[in-house]
């Protein structure tokens, strides 16, 4: 999430967190940016905090 926040907030765009869940040893965070029609998900290991996967899609 830090990557998203740092890059996006440079131009004052607000990221809306849609959901945060924990499943099979990882946190899954779904987000969207209405202004830019972007959305995605980030998966992070719930023990180490290591980024496992990141997805982003534009409309």
C-alpha atoms as a PDB file:
ATOM      1  CA  UNK A   1       0.000   0.000   0.000  1.00  0.00           C
ATOM      2  CA  UNK A   2       2.884   2.353   0.656  1.00  0.00           C
ATOM      3  CA  UNK A   3       3.790   2.202  -3.049  1.00  0.00           C
ATOM      4  CA  UNK A   4       0.247   3.189  -4.041  1.00  0.00           C
ATOM      5  CA  UNK A   5       0.011   5.958  -1.480  1.00  0.00           C
ATOM      6  CA  UNK A   6       3.386   7.493  -2.313  1.00  0.00           C
ATOM      7  CA  UNK A   7       2.872   7.487  -6.091  1.00  0.00           C
ATOM      8  CA  UNK A   8      -0.755   8.592  -6.125  1.00  0.00           C
ATOM      9  CA  UNK A   9      -0.690  11.220  -3.387  1.00  0.00           C
ATOM     10  CA  UNK A  10       1.991  13.216  -5.212  1.00  0.00           C
ATOM     11  CA  UNK A  11      -0.859  14.510  -7.391  1.00  0.00           C
ATOM     12  CA  UNK A  12      -3.412  14.530  -4.541  1.00  0.00           C
ATOM     13  CA  UNK A  13      -5.521  11.613  -5.765  1.00  0.00           C
ATOM     14  CA  UNK A  14      -7.453   9.757  -3.064  1.00  0.00           C
ATOM     15  CA  UNK A  15      -7.294   5.963  -2.895  1.00  0.00           C
ATOM     16  CA  UNK A  16     -10.463   4.291  -1.607  1.00  0.00           C
ATOM     17  CA  UNK A  17      -9.951   0.954   0.156  1.00  0.00           C
ATOM     18  CA  UNK A  18     -12.778  -1.359  -0.849  1.00  0.00           C
ATOM     19  CA  UNK A  19     -11.917  -4.316   1.391  1.00  0.00           C
ATOM     20  CA  UNK A  20      -9.202  -5.892   3.497  1.00  0.00           C
ATOM     21  CA  UNK A  21      -9.291  -9.611   4.231  1.00  0.00           C
ATOM     22  CA  UNK A  22      -6.996 -12.362   5.469  1.00  0.00           C
ATOM     23  CA  UNK A  23      -6.977 -15.698   3.678  1.00  0.00           C
ATOM     24  CA  UNK A  24      -4.492 -18.571   3.540  1.00  0.00           C
ATOM     25  CA  UNK A  25      -1.622 -16.667   5.137  1.00  0.00           C
ATOM     26  CA  UNK A  26      -1.976 -13.415   3.247  1.00  0.00           C
ATOM     27  CA  UNK A  27      -3.763 -10.096   3.481  1.00  0.00           C
ATOM     28  CA  UNK A  28      -5.725  -9.080   0.399  1.00  0.00           C
ATOM     29  CA  UNK A  29      -6.417  -5.360  -0.005  1.00  0.00           C
ATOM     30  CA  UNK A  30      -8.760  -4.212  -2.784  1.00  0.00           C
ATOM     31  CA  UNK A  31      -8.680  -0.533  -3.746  1.00  0.00           C
ATOM     32  CA  UNK A  32     -10.006   1.946  -6.315  1.00  0.00           C
ATOM     33  CA  UNK A  33      -9.449   5.471  -7.551  1.00  0.00           C
ATOM     34  CA  UNK A  34     -12.749   6.818  -8.924  1.00  0.00           C
ATOM     35  CA  UNK A  35     -11.211   9.922 -10.491  1.00  0.00           C
ATOM     36  CA  UNK A  36      -8.903   7.888 -12.752  1.00  0.00           C
ATOM     37  CA  UNK A  37     -11.148   4.813 -13.125  1.00  0.00           C
ATOM     38  CA  UNK A  38      -8.431   2.580 -11.651  1.00  0.00           C
ATOM     39  CA  UNK A  39      -8.839  -0.407  -9.360  1.00  0.00           C
ATOM     40  CA  UNK A  40      -6.797  -3.326  -8.157  1.00  0.00           C
ATOM     41  CA  UNK A  41      -5.681  -5.612  -5.380  1.00  0.00           C
ATOM     42  CA  UNK A  42      -2.535  -6.141  -3.366  1.00  0.00           C
ATOM     43  CA  UNK A  43      -1.607  -9.401  -1.638  1.00  0.00           C
ATOM     44  CA  UNK A  44       0.838  -9.323   1.279  1.00  0.00           C
ATOM     45  CA  UNK A  45       2.229 -12.183   3.391  1.00  0.00           C
ATOM     46  CA  UNK A  46       0.581 -11.870   6.813  1.00  0.00           C
ATOM     47  CA  UNK A  47       3.739 -12.936   8.676  1.00  0.00           C
ATOM     48  CA  UNK A  48       6.612 -11.197   6.879  1.00  0.00           C
ATOM     49  CA  UNK A  49       4.783  -8.267   5.255  1.00  0.00           C
ATOM     50  CA  UNK A  50       6.360  -9.208   1.920  1.00  0.00           C
ATOM     51  CA  UNK A  51       4.477  -8.104  -1.206  1.00  0.00           C
ATOM     52  CA  UNK A  52       3.260 -11.264  -2.961  1.00  0.00           C
ATOM     53  CA  UNK A  53       1.220  -9.882  -5.825  1.00  0.00           C
ATOM     54  CA  UNK A  54      -0.166  -6.574  -7.067  1.00  0.00           C
ATOM     55  CA  UNK A  55      -2.799  -6.051  -9.754  1.00  0.00           C
ATOM     56  CA  UNK A  56      -4.025  -2.813 -11.318  1.00  0.00           C
ATOM     57  CA  UNK A  57      -6.659  -2.243 -13.990  1.00  0.00           C
ATOM     58  CA  UNK A  58      -7.867   0.892 -15.771  1.00  0.00           C
ATOM     59  CA  UNK A  59     -11.342   1.260 -17.263  1.00  0.00           C
END
